[in-house]
Amino acid sequence: MADHIVDEMTVLETVRALEATDEPLSPREWSALEDRRLRETVNQRLARLGRQLIEVTSGAGGPVVGYLSGWSDQAASALQQDESDLAIEDLAVLSLVYLHITVLEGSFGEQVASFQEQLNAHQGPDGRDIISVDQLSESLRTLRARQLLDGRHRPGPALLRLSVAQRERLEENLVLLCRPDSTWASEIRAGRRPGRSLGGDP
């Protein structure tokens, strides 16, 4: 009985820490994350809040280095129906950073230019033409305040809280945005059906 009480206190303490932390929690320092049984209990407690345990790995497919909490896929599907408080300019800046840093540099290993060079080189109605100098500064402040970007204008810690399904959804949306006429985009649209987790087309 005493062990059960200790475990429950450890689990609750870990849940609180997961929700409050800005950095992934190391399983070496949190027994409820190191022990598989307690880790599952942590996930169950988070599920009651519409949240889930997120594994943070060292690179794509690498070993788990820590854990965060994030919205469950079911909650994310419902929340995406709510209107965002981010302006279209904020989303344009965030999309550009995510595309260049996470996809081109992180996934494909390309060498990418600095953020300002990327912005200056990105032409067209979805690029720099809709972002004034004043709006860019405001968007960067907004995105940093929400931890969507870090101080170096790279994807911020909030994006680590995405589940595998949510991250795949985001990357699919980038394909639909950047290559709408590609075979890949056609396959994505064909695979999305009403009622599927995380909803329909963006």
N, C-alpha and C. Protein backbone atom coordinates (compact mmCIF):
# COMPACT_ATOMS: atom_id res chain seq x y z
N MET A 1 0.83 -1.21 0.00
CA MET A 1 0.00 0.00 0.00
C MET A 1 0.87 1.26 0.00
N ALA A 2 1.93 1.21 0.83
CA ALA A 2 2.83 2.36 0.89
C ALA A 2 3.51 2.59 -0.45
N ASP A 3 3.92 1.47 -1.11
CA ASP A 3 4.55 1.60 -2.42
C ASP A 3 3.60 2.21 -3.44
N HIS A 4 2.32 1.85 -3.36
CA HIS A 4 1.32 2.40 -4.28
C HIS A 4 1.20 3.91 -4.09
N ILE A 5 1.18 4.34 -2.85
CA ILE A 5 1.07 5.78 -2.55
C ILE A 5 2.29 6.53 -3.08
N VAL A 6 3.48 5.94 -2.86
CA VAL A 6 4.70 6.56 -3.36
C VAL A 6 4.67 6.66 -4.88
N ASP A 7 4.25 5.57 -5.54
CA ASP A 7 4.16 5.57 -7.01
C ASP A 7 3.19 6.63 -7.50
N GLU A 8 2.04 6.74 -6.84
CA GLU A 8 1.03 7.71 -7.26
C GLU A 8 1.56 9.13 -7.12
N MET A 9 2.25 9.41 -6.03
CA MET A 9 2.83 10.74 -5.83
C MET A 9 3.90 11.02 -6.89
N THR A 10 4.70 10.01 -7.21
CA THR A 10 5.74 10.16 -8.22
C THR A 10 5.14 10.43 -9.59
N VAL A 11 4.06 9.72 -9.91
CA VAL A 11 3.38 9.91 -11.19
C VAL A 11 2.81 11.32 -11.29
N LEU A 12 2.12 11.77 -10.26
CA LEU A 12 1.51 13.11 -10.29
C LEU A 12 2.57 14.20 -10.39
N GLU A 13 3.66 14.02 -9.67
CA GLU A 13 4.76 14.98 -9.73
C GLU A 13 5.34 15.04 -11.13
N THR A 14 5.44 13.89 -11.78
CA THR A 14 5.98 13.83 -13.14
C THR A 14 5.04 14.48 -14.14
N VAL A 15 3.74 14.24 -13.99
CA VAL A 15 2.75 14.87 -14.88
C VAL A 15 2.85 16.40 -14.78
N ARG A 16 2.93 16.90 -13.56
CA ARG A 16 3.04 18.35 -13.37
C ARG A 16 4.31 18.89 -14.03
N ALA A 17 5.40 18.16 -13.86
CA ALA A 17 6.67 18.60 -14.45
C ALA A 17 6.62 18.59 -15.97
N LEU A 18 6.00 17.56 -16.55
CA LEU A 18 5.87 17.47 -18.00
C LEU A 18 5.09 18.64 -18.57
N GLU A 19 4.06 19.06 -17.86
CA GLU A 19 3.23 20.15 -18.33
C GLU A 19 3.91 21.51 -18.18
N ALA A 20 4.84 21.61 -17.25
CA ALA A 20 5.45 22.91 -16.95
C ALA A 20 6.80 23.13 -17.63
N THR A 21 7.47 22.05 -18.00
CA THR A 21 8.85 22.16 -18.46
C THR A 21 8.98 22.82 -19.83
N ASP A 22 10.12 23.46 -20.05
CA ASP A 22 10.45 24.00 -21.37
C ASP A 22 11.40 23.06 -22.11
N GLU A 23 11.97 22.09 -21.41
CA GLU A 23 12.92 21.15 -21.99
C GLU A 23 12.45 19.72 -21.72
N PRO A 24 12.79 18.79 -22.60
CA PRO A 24 12.42 17.39 -22.36
C PRO A 24 12.97 16.89 -21.02
N LEU A 25 12.17 16.09 -20.32
CA LEU A 25 12.60 15.50 -19.06
C LEU A 25 13.36 14.21 -19.34
N SER A 26 14.53 14.07 -18.74
CA SER A 26 15.36 12.89 -18.94
C SER A 26 14.85 11.74 -18.08
N PRO A 27 14.70 10.54 -18.65
CA PRO A 27 14.25 9.39 -17.85
C PRO A 27 15.26 9.02 -16.77
N ARG A 28 16.53 9.39 -16.95
CA ARG A 28 17.53 9.11 -15.92
C ARG A 28 17.27 9.90 -14.64
N GLU A 29 16.56 11.01 -14.78
CA GLU A 29 16.31 11.88 -13.64
C GLU A 29 14.89 11.77 -13.11
N TRP A 30 14.02 11.06 -13.85
CA TRP A 30 12.62 10.93 -13.46
C TRP A 30 12.25 9.45 -13.49
N SER A 31 12.13 8.86 -12.32
CA SER A 31 11.90 7.42 -12.23
C SER A 31 10.60 6.98 -12.90
N ALA A 32 9.59 7.85 -12.88
CA ALA A 32 8.31 7.50 -13.49
C ALA A 32 8.39 7.47 -15.01
N LEU A 33 9.44 8.05 -15.58
CA LEU A 33 9.65 7.98 -17.03
C LEU A 33 10.60 6.86 -17.41
N GLU A 34 11.42 6.45 -16.48
CA GLU A 34 12.36 5.37 -16.75
C GLU A 34 11.69 4.00 -16.63
N ASP A 35 10.79 3.87 -15.67
CA ASP A 35 10.09 2.62 -15.44
C ASP A 35 8.90 2.50 -16.40
N ARG A 36 8.85 1.42 -17.19
CA ARG A 36 7.81 1.30 -18.23
C ARG A 36 6.40 1.30 -17.63
N ARG A 37 6.22 0.61 -16.49
CA ARG A 37 4.89 0.56 -15.87
C ARG A 37 4.44 1.94 -15.40
N LEU A 38 5.34 2.66 -14.73
CA LEU A 38 4.98 4.00 -14.26
C LEU A 38 4.80 4.96 -15.43
N ARG A 39 5.60 4.78 -16.47
CA ARG A 39 5.47 5.65 -17.64
C ARG A 39 4.10 5.50 -18.29
N GLU A 40 3.60 4.29 -18.35
CA GLU A 40 2.26 4.05 -18.88
C GLU A 40 1.21 4.69 -17.99
N THR A 41 1.42 4.66 -16.68
CA THR A 41 0.49 5.31 -15.76
C THR A 41 0.51 6.82 -15.97
N VAL A 42 1.70 7.38 -16.18
CA VAL A 42 1.81 8.81 -16.48
C VAL A 42 0.99 9.14 -17.73
N ASN A 43 1.12 8.32 -18.74
CA ASN A 43 0.38 8.55 -19.99
C ASN A 43 -1.13 8.47 -19.76
N GLN A 44 -1.56 7.55 -18.90
CA GLN A 44 -2.99 7.43 -18.58
C GLN A 44 -3.49 8.68 -17.86
N ARG A 45 -2.69 9.22 -16.96
CA ARG A 45 -3.09 10.45 -16.25
C ARG A 45 -3.18 11.62 -17.23
N LEU A 46 -2.23 11.70 -18.13
CA LEU A 46 -2.25 12.76 -19.14
C LEU A 46 -3.48 12.63 -20.03
N ALA A 47 -3.85 11.39 -20.37
CA ALA A 47 -5.00 11.16 -21.26
C ALA A 47 -6.28 11.72 -20.68
N ARG A 48 -6.40 11.72 -19.35
CA ARG A 48 -7.58 12.29 -18.71
C ARG A 48 -7.68 13.80 -18.96
N LEU A 49 -6.55 14.42 -19.29
CA LEU A 49 -6.50 15.86 -19.54
C LEU A 49 -6.53 16.19 -21.03
N GLY A 50 -6.70 15.14 -21.86
CA GLY A 50 -6.63 15.36 -23.30
C GLY A 50 -5.21 15.52 -23.79
N ARG A 51 -4.25 15.00 -23.01
CA ARG A 51 -2.83 15.13 -23.33
C ARG A 51 -2.22 13.74 -23.54
N GLN A 52 -0.99 13.70 -24.01
CA GLN A 52 -0.30 12.42 -24.17
C GLN A 52 1.19 12.63 -23.97
N LEU A 53 1.88 11.52 -23.71
CA LEU A 53 3.32 11.54 -23.52
C LEU A 53 4.00 11.54 -24.89
N ILE A 54 4.95 12.44 -25.07
CA ILE A 54 5.67 12.58 -26.34
C ILE A 54 7.12 12.17 -26.15
N GLU A 55 7.60 11.22 -26.94
CA GLU A 55 9.00 10.85 -26.92
C GLU A 55 9.81 11.84 -27.75
N VAL A 56 10.91 12.33 -27.17
CA VAL A 56 11.83 13.21 -27.88
C VAL A 56 13.07 12.39 -28.19
N THR A 57 13.39 12.24 -29.47
CA THR A 57 14.50 11.38 -29.88
C THR A 57 15.69 12.19 -30.35
N SER A 58 16.82 11.54 -30.40
CA SER A 58 18.04 12.14 -30.94
C SER A 58 18.07 11.91 -32.44
N GLY A 59 17.49 12.86 -33.19
CA GLY A 59 17.39 12.70 -34.63
C GLY A 59 16.25 11.77 -34.99
N ALA A 60 15.93 11.73 -36.29
CA ALA A 60 14.84 10.89 -36.78
C ALA A 60 15.18 9.42 -36.56
N GLY A 61 14.34 8.73 -35.80
CA GLY A 61 14.55 7.32 -35.55
C GLY A 61 15.63 7.01 -34.54
N GLY A 62 16.17 8.05 -33.89
CA GLY A 62 17.22 7.85 -32.91
C GLY A 62 16.67 7.43 -31.56
N PRO A 63 17.55 7.22 -30.59
CA PRO A 63 17.11 6.80 -29.25
C PRO A 63 16.35 7.91 -28.53
N VAL A 64 15.49 7.51 -27.62
CA VAL A 64 14.73 8.48 -26.83
C VAL A 64 15.67 9.16 -25.83
N VAL A 65 15.68 10.48 -25.86
CA VAL A 65 16.53 11.25 -24.94
C VAL A 65 15.71 11.92 -23.84
N GLY A 66 14.40 11.98 -24.02
CA GLY A 66 13.57 12.62 -23.01
C GLY A 66 12.10 12.56 -23.39
N TYR A 67 11.29 13.17 -22.53
CA TYR A 67 9.83 13.15 -22.74
C TYR A 67 9.24 14.53 -22.48
N LEU A 68 8.18 14.83 -23.22
CA LEU A 68 7.35 16.01 -23.01
C LEU A 68 5.90 15.56 -23.03
N SER A 69 4.99 16.46 -22.71
CA SER A 69 3.57 16.18 -22.88
C SER A 69 3.04 17.08 -23.98
N GLY A 70 2.01 16.60 -24.67
CA GLY A 70 1.39 17.38 -25.73
C GLY A 70 -0.07 16.99 -25.86
N TRP A 71 -0.80 17.73 -26.71
CA TRP A 71 -2.21 17.40 -26.92
C TRP A 71 -2.32 16.01 -27.53
N SER A 72 -3.32 15.26 -27.09
CA SER A 72 -3.59 13.98 -27.72
C SER A 72 -4.07 14.22 -29.15
N ASP A 73 -3.96 13.20 -30.00
CA ASP A 73 -4.39 13.36 -31.39
C ASP A 73 -5.88 13.69 -31.47
N GLN A 74 -6.67 13.11 -30.57
CA GLN A 74 -8.11 13.39 -30.56
C GLN A 74 -8.38 14.85 -30.18
N ALA A 75 -7.68 15.33 -29.16
CA ALA A 75 -7.86 16.73 -28.74
C ALA A 75 -7.37 17.68 -29.82
N ALA A 76 -6.25 17.33 -30.46
CA ALA A 76 -5.71 18.19 -31.52
C ALA A 76 -6.69 18.30 -32.68
N SER A 77 -7.38 17.19 -32.99
CA SER A 77 -8.37 17.20 -34.06
C SER A 77 -9.50 18.17 -33.76
N ALA A 78 -9.92 18.21 -32.49
CA ALA A 78 -10.99 19.13 -32.09
C ALA A 78 -10.48 20.57 -32.04
N LEU A 79 -9.27 20.76 -31.54
CA LEU A 79 -8.72 22.11 -31.38
C LEU A 79 -8.43 22.78 -32.72
N GLN A 80 -8.16 21.98 -33.76
CA GLN A 80 -7.83 22.59 -35.04
C GLN A 80 -9.04 23.30 -35.65
N GLN A 81 -10.23 23.01 -35.14
CA GLN A 81 -11.43 23.69 -35.62
C GLN A 81 -11.53 25.11 -35.05
N ASP A 82 -10.80 25.36 -33.95
CA ASP A 82 -10.83 26.68 -33.33
C ASP A 82 -9.98 27.65 -34.14
N GLU A 83 -10.41 28.90 -34.18
CA GLU A 83 -9.66 29.92 -34.91
C GLU A 83 -8.37 30.24 -34.19
N SER A 84 -7.26 30.26 -34.92
CA SER A 84 -5.96 30.56 -34.32
C SER A 84 -5.85 32.06 -34.03
N ASP A 85 -5.09 32.40 -32.97
CA ASP A 85 -4.85 33.80 -32.68
C ASP A 85 -3.59 34.30 -33.39
N LEU A 86 -2.99 33.43 -34.22
CA LEU A 86 -1.84 33.85 -35.01
C LEU A 86 -2.32 34.48 -36.32
N ALA A 87 -1.70 35.59 -36.69
CA ALA A 87 -2.04 36.26 -37.94
C ALA A 87 -1.49 35.47 -39.12
N ILE A 88 -2.00 35.73 -40.32
CA ILE A 88 -1.54 35.03 -41.51
C ILE A 88 -0.06 35.26 -41.72
N GLU A 89 0.43 36.46 -41.37
CA GLU A 89 1.86 36.74 -41.51
C GLU A 89 2.68 35.88 -40.55
N ASP A 90 2.16 35.67 -39.34
CA ASP A 90 2.86 34.82 -38.37
C ASP A 90 2.99 33.40 -38.92
N LEU A 91 1.90 32.90 -39.48
CA LEU A 91 1.89 31.54 -40.01
C LEU A 91 2.81 31.42 -41.22
N ALA A 92 2.88 32.49 -42.04
CA ALA A 92 3.77 32.46 -43.20
C ALA A 92 5.23 32.38 -42.76
N VAL A 93 5.60 33.15 -41.75
CA VAL A 93 6.96 33.13 -41.24
C VAL A 93 7.28 31.76 -40.63
N LEU A 94 6.36 31.23 -39.83
CA LEU A 94 6.58 29.93 -39.20
C LEU A 94 6.70 28.82 -40.25
N SER A 95 5.85 28.86 -41.27
CA SER A 95 5.90 27.84 -42.33
C SER A 95 7.24 27.88 -43.05
N LEU A 96 7.73 29.09 -43.32
CA LEU A 96 9.00 29.24 -44.02
C LEU A 96 10.14 28.66 -43.20
N VAL A 97 10.17 28.99 -41.92
CA VAL A 97 11.23 28.48 -41.04
C VAL A 97 11.15 26.96 -40.94
N TYR A 98 9.95 26.43 -40.72
CA TYR A 98 9.79 24.97 -40.57
C TYR A 98 10.21 24.25 -41.85
N LEU A 99 9.81 24.80 -43.00
CA LEU A 99 10.14 24.17 -44.27
C LEU A 99 11.66 24.10 -44.46
N HIS A 100 12.34 25.22 -44.22
CA HIS A 100 13.77 25.26 -44.49
C HIS A 100 14.59 24.49 -43.44
N ILE A 101 14.26 24.69 -42.16
CA ILE A 101 15.08 24.12 -41.10
C ILE A 101 14.74 22.65 -40.84
N THR A 102 13.45 22.36 -40.63
CA THR A 102 13.07 21.00 -40.25
C THR A 102 13.04 20.06 -41.44
N VAL A 103 12.48 20.51 -42.55
CA VAL A 103 12.32 19.62 -43.70
C VAL A 103 13.58 19.58 -44.56
N LEU A 104 13.99 20.74 -45.09
CA LEU A 104 15.11 20.75 -46.03
C LEU A 104 16.43 20.43 -45.33
N GLU A 105 16.67 21.07 -44.18
CA GLU A 105 17.94 20.83 -43.47
C GLU A 105 17.88 19.54 -42.65
N GLY A 106 16.82 19.39 -41.84
CA GLY A 106 16.75 18.26 -40.94
C GLY A 106 16.47 16.93 -41.62
N SER A 107 15.47 16.91 -42.52
CA SER A 107 15.08 15.65 -43.14
C SER A 107 15.90 15.31 -44.38
N PHE A 108 16.26 16.34 -45.18
CA PHE A 108 16.95 16.07 -46.44
C PHE A 108 18.44 16.41 -46.39
N GLY A 109 18.89 17.00 -45.28
CA GLY A 109 20.32 17.27 -45.12
C GLY A 109 20.86 18.38 -45.99
N GLU A 110 19.99 19.26 -46.49
CA GLU A 110 20.45 20.37 -47.32
C GLU A 110 21.05 21.47 -46.45
N GLN A 111 22.00 22.19 -47.04
CA GLN A 111 22.55 23.37 -46.38
C GLN A 111 21.62 24.54 -46.66
N VAL A 112 21.14 25.19 -45.61
CA VAL A 112 20.20 26.30 -45.81
C VAL A 112 20.84 27.60 -45.34
N ALA A 113 20.37 28.67 -45.94
CA ALA A 113 20.89 30.00 -45.62
C ALA A 113 20.29 30.50 -44.30
N SER A 114 20.76 31.66 -43.86
CA SER A 114 20.21 32.26 -42.65
C SER A 114 18.74 32.60 -42.88
N PHE A 115 18.03 32.83 -41.77
CA PHE A 115 16.60 33.12 -41.88
C PHE A 115 16.35 34.33 -42.76
N GLN A 116 17.11 35.41 -42.57
CA GLN A 116 16.87 36.63 -43.34
C GLN A 116 17.13 36.39 -44.82
N GLU A 117 18.16 35.60 -45.13
CA GLU A 117 18.42 35.27 -46.54
C GLU A 117 17.31 34.43 -47.13
N GLN A 118 16.78 33.51 -46.34
CA GLN A 118 15.66 32.69 -46.79
C GLN A 118 14.46 33.58 -47.11
N LEU A 119 14.17 34.51 -46.21
CA LEU A 119 13.01 35.37 -46.39
C LEU A 119 13.18 36.25 -47.63
N ASN A 120 14.37 36.81 -47.81
CA ASN A 120 14.62 37.67 -48.96
C ASN A 120 14.52 36.92 -50.28
N ALA A 121 14.85 35.64 -50.25
CA ALA A 121 14.85 34.84 -51.48
C ALA A 121 13.50 34.24 -51.79
N HIS A 122 12.57 34.28 -50.83
CA HIS A 122 11.28 33.61 -51.01
C HIS A 122 10.30 34.57 -51.67
N GLN A 123 10.07 34.38 -52.99
CA GLN A 123 9.24 35.29 -53.77
C GLN A 123 7.79 34.84 -53.79
N GLY A 124 6.94 35.70 -54.32
CA GLY A 124 5.57 35.30 -54.62
C GLY A 124 4.56 35.71 -53.55
N PRO A 125 3.27 35.42 -53.82
CA PRO A 125 2.19 35.86 -52.93
C PRO A 125 2.24 35.22 -51.55
N ASP A 126 2.93 34.09 -51.41
CA ASP A 126 3.03 33.45 -50.10
C ASP A 126 4.36 33.75 -49.42
N GLY A 127 5.15 34.64 -50.00
CA GLY A 127 6.48 34.91 -49.46
C GLY A 127 6.63 36.29 -48.89
N ARG A 128 7.78 36.90 -49.15
CA ARG A 128 8.13 38.15 -48.48
C ARG A 128 7.21 39.30 -48.86
N ASP A 129 6.51 39.19 -50.00
CA ASP A 129 5.69 40.31 -50.46
C ASP A 129 4.55 40.64 -49.51
N ILE A 130 4.16 39.69 -48.65
CA ILE A 130 3.07 39.99 -47.73
C ILE A 130 3.57 40.32 -46.33
N ILE A 131 4.90 40.32 -46.14
CA ILE A 131 5.46 40.56 -44.81
C ILE A 131 6.32 41.81 -44.83
N SER A 132 5.82 42.86 -44.24
CA SER A 132 6.60 44.10 -44.15
C SER A 132 7.67 43.95 -43.09
N VAL A 133 8.63 44.88 -43.08
CA VAL A 133 9.69 44.83 -42.08
C VAL A 133 9.11 44.92 -40.68
N ASP A 134 8.14 45.84 -40.48
CA ASP A 134 7.53 45.99 -39.16
C ASP A 134 6.77 44.73 -38.77
N GLN A 135 6.03 44.15 -39.74
CA GLN A 135 5.25 42.95 -39.44
C GLN A 135 6.16 41.76 -39.15
N LEU A 136 7.30 41.69 -39.85
CA LEU A 136 8.24 40.60 -39.60
C LEU A 136 8.73 40.65 -38.16
N SER A 137 9.11 41.83 -37.70
CA SER A 137 9.59 41.96 -36.32
C SER A 137 8.51 41.55 -35.33
N GLU A 138 7.27 41.95 -35.60
CA GLU A 138 6.16 41.61 -34.70
C GLU A 138 5.88 40.11 -34.74
N SER A 139 5.93 39.52 -35.92
CA SER A 139 5.69 38.08 -36.05
C SER A 139 6.76 37.29 -35.31
N LEU A 140 8.00 37.71 -35.43
CA LEU A 140 9.08 37.01 -34.73
C LEU A 140 8.90 37.07 -33.22
N ARG A 141 8.48 38.24 -32.71
CA ARG A 141 8.23 38.36 -31.27
C ARG A 141 7.08 37.45 -30.84
N THR A 142 6.02 37.42 -31.66
CA THR A 142 4.86 36.58 -31.34
C THR A 142 5.24 35.11 -31.31
N LEU A 143 5.98 34.67 -32.31
CA LEU A 143 6.34 33.25 -32.42
C LEU A 143 7.33 32.85 -31.32
N ARG A 144 8.22 33.76 -30.95
CA ARG A 144 9.14 33.46 -29.85
C ARG A 144 8.38 33.39 -28.53
N ALA A 145 7.42 34.28 -28.33
CA ALA A 145 6.65 34.29 -27.08
C ALA A 145 5.87 32.99 -26.91
N ARG A 146 5.45 32.39 -28.01
CA ARG A 146 4.70 31.12 -27.95
C ARG A 146 5.62 29.91 -28.06
N GLN A 147 6.93 30.17 -28.05
CA GLN A 147 7.95 29.12 -28.13
C GLN A 147 7.85 28.31 -29.43
N LEU A 148 7.27 28.92 -30.45
CA LEU A 148 7.24 28.28 -31.76
C LEU A 148 8.55 28.51 -32.51
N LEU A 149 9.27 29.57 -32.15
CA LEU A 149 10.62 29.82 -32.63
C LEU A 149 11.52 30.06 -31.42
N ASP A 150 12.81 29.73 -31.58
CA ASP A 150 13.74 30.04 -30.49
C ASP A 150 14.45 31.35 -30.80
N GLY A 151 15.42 31.70 -29.99
CA GLY A 151 16.10 32.97 -30.15
C GLY A 151 16.93 33.08 -31.41
N ARG A 152 17.21 31.96 -32.05
CA ARG A 152 17.99 31.97 -33.31
C ARG A 152 17.08 31.87 -34.54
N HIS A 153 15.78 32.04 -34.31
CA HIS A 153 14.79 31.95 -35.39
C HIS A 153 14.76 30.55 -36.00
N ARG A 154 14.90 29.55 -35.16
CA ARG A 154 14.75 28.16 -35.57
C ARG A 154 13.51 27.59 -34.88
N PRO A 155 12.97 26.46 -35.36
CA PRO A 155 11.78 25.88 -34.71
C PRO A 155 11.99 25.74 -33.21
N GLY A 156 11.01 26.22 -32.44
CA GLY A 156 11.14 26.30 -31.00
C GLY A 156 10.67 25.07 -30.26
N PRO A 157 10.80 25.08 -28.93
CA PRO A 157 10.48 23.91 -28.12
C PRO A 157 9.02 23.48 -28.17
N ALA A 158 8.11 24.39 -28.49
CA ALA A 158 6.69 24.01 -28.55
C ALA A 158 6.45 22.95 -29.62
N LEU A 159 7.26 22.96 -30.69
CA LEU A 159 7.06 21.99 -31.76
C LEU A 159 7.53 20.60 -31.38
N LEU A 160 8.34 20.49 -30.32
CA LEU A 160 8.72 19.17 -29.83
C LEU A 160 7.54 18.45 -29.20
N ARG A 161 6.49 19.19 -28.86
CA ARG A 161 5.32 18.59 -28.21
C ARG A 161 4.33 17.98 -29.20
N LEU A 162 4.67 17.95 -30.48
CA LEU A 162 3.81 17.32 -31.48
C LEU A 162 3.99 15.82 -31.45
N SER A 163 2.89 15.08 -31.56
CA SER A 163 2.97 13.62 -31.66
C SER A 163 3.45 13.25 -33.06
N VAL A 164 3.75 11.98 -33.25
CA VAL A 164 4.17 11.50 -34.57
C VAL A 164 3.10 11.80 -35.61
N ALA A 165 1.84 11.53 -35.27
CA ALA A 165 0.74 11.77 -36.22
C ALA A 165 0.59 13.25 -36.53
N GLN A 166 0.74 14.10 -35.51
CA GLN A 166 0.61 15.54 -35.72
C GLN A 166 1.76 16.08 -36.56
N ARG A 167 2.97 15.54 -36.35
CA ARG A 167 4.12 15.99 -37.14
C ARG A 167 3.97 15.55 -38.60
N GLU A 168 3.48 14.34 -38.81
CA GLU A 168 3.24 13.87 -40.18
C GLU A 168 2.20 14.74 -40.87
N ARG A 169 1.17 15.11 -40.10
CA ARG A 169 0.11 15.97 -40.65
C ARG A 169 0.67 17.32 -41.08
N LEU A 170 1.53 17.88 -40.24
CA LEU A 170 2.14 19.17 -40.56
C LEU A 170 2.99 19.08 -41.82
N GLU A 171 3.76 18.02 -41.94
CA GLU A 171 4.62 17.87 -43.11
C GLU A 171 3.80 17.60 -44.38
N GLU A 172 2.69 16.89 -44.24
CA GLU A 172 1.79 16.71 -45.38
C GLU A 172 1.22 18.05 -45.82
N ASN A 173 0.87 18.89 -44.85
CA ASN A 173 0.32 20.20 -45.19
C ASN A 173 1.33 21.05 -45.94
N LEU A 174 2.62 20.91 -45.60
CA LEU A 174 3.65 21.64 -46.33
C LEU A 174 3.73 21.17 -47.78
N VAL A 175 3.55 19.87 -48.00
CA VAL A 175 3.54 19.35 -49.37
C VAL A 175 2.35 19.94 -50.13
N LEU A 176 1.18 19.98 -49.50
CA LEU A 176 -0.01 20.54 -50.15
C LEU A 176 0.18 22.03 -50.45
N LEU A 177 0.92 22.73 -49.58
CA LEU A 177 1.16 24.16 -49.79
C LEU A 177 2.18 24.40 -50.89
N CYS A 178 3.28 23.66 -50.86
CA CYS A 178 4.41 23.94 -51.75
C CYS A 178 4.35 23.18 -53.07
N ARG A 179 3.72 22.00 -53.07
CA ARG A 179 3.65 21.18 -54.29
C ARG A 179 2.23 20.67 -54.48
N PRO A 180 1.26 21.59 -54.63
CA PRO A 180 -0.16 21.17 -54.68
C PRO A 180 -0.51 20.30 -55.88
N ASP A 181 0.27 20.37 -56.95
CA ASP A 181 -0.06 19.61 -58.17
C ASP A 181 0.76 18.33 -58.29
N SER A 182 1.53 17.99 -57.27
CA SER A 182 2.38 16.81 -57.34
C SER A 182 1.58 15.53 -57.09
N THR A 183 2.17 14.41 -57.50
CA THR A 183 1.56 13.10 -57.22
C THR A 183 1.46 12.88 -55.72
N TRP A 184 2.48 13.31 -55.01
CA TRP A 184 2.49 13.17 -53.55
C TRP A 184 1.29 13.88 -52.94
N ALA A 185 1.02 15.12 -53.40
CA ALA A 185 -0.12 15.88 -52.87
C ALA A 185 -1.44 15.18 -53.20
N SER A 186 -1.53 14.62 -54.40
CA SER A 186 -2.75 13.90 -54.78
C SER A 186 -2.98 12.70 -53.87
N GLU A 187 -1.90 11.99 -53.53
CA GLU A 187 -2.02 10.83 -52.63
C GLU A 187 -2.45 11.27 -51.23
N ILE A 188 -1.94 12.41 -50.78
CA ILE A 188 -2.32 12.92 -49.45
C ILE A 188 -3.81 13.25 -49.43
N ARG A 189 -4.27 13.97 -50.46
CA ARG A 189 -5.69 14.34 -50.51
C ARG A 189 -6.57 13.11 -50.59
N ALA A 190 -6.13 12.11 -51.35
CA ALA A 190 -6.93 10.88 -51.49
C ALA A 190 -7.01 10.12 -50.18
N GLY A 191 -5.97 10.24 -49.36
CA GLY A 191 -5.93 9.51 -48.11
C GLY A 191 -6.68 10.17 -46.96
N ARG A 192 -7.12 11.39 -47.17
CA ARG A 192 -7.82 12.11 -46.11
C ARG A 192 -9.33 11.99 -46.31
N ARG A 193 -9.98 11.46 -45.32
CA ARG A 193 -11.42 11.23 -45.38
C ARG A 193 -12.09 11.88 -44.18
N PRO A 194 -13.36 12.32 -44.33
CA PRO A 194 -14.08 12.88 -43.18
C PRO A 194 -14.09 11.91 -42.00
N GLY A 195 -13.82 12.43 -40.82
CA GLY A 195 -13.83 11.60 -39.63
C GLY A 195 -12.49 11.00 -39.29
N ARG A 196 -11.52 11.11 -40.22
CA ARG A 196 -10.19 10.61 -39.91
C ARG A 196 -9.56 11.48 -38.85
N SER A 197 -8.73 10.87 -37.99
CA SER A 197 -8.04 11.60 -36.94
C SER A 197 -7.26 12.76 -37.52
N LEU A 198 -7.36 13.91 -36.91
CA LEU A 198 -6.74 15.15 -37.29
C LEU A 198 -7.39 15.80 -38.51
N GLY A 199 -8.60 15.35 -38.90
CA GLY A 199 -9.46 16.12 -39.78
C GLY A 199 -9.16 16.07 -41.25
N GLY A 200 -9.77 17.04 -42.00
CA GLY A 200 -9.66 17.08 -43.44
C GLY A 200 -8.58 18.01 -43.92
N ASP A 201 -8.65 18.41 -45.18
CA ASP A 201 -7.62 19.26 -45.78
C ASP A 201 -7.52 20.58 -45.04
N PRO A 202 -6.30 21.19 -45.03
CA PRO A 202 -6.14 22.47 -44.34
C PRO A 202 -6.85 23.58 -45.08
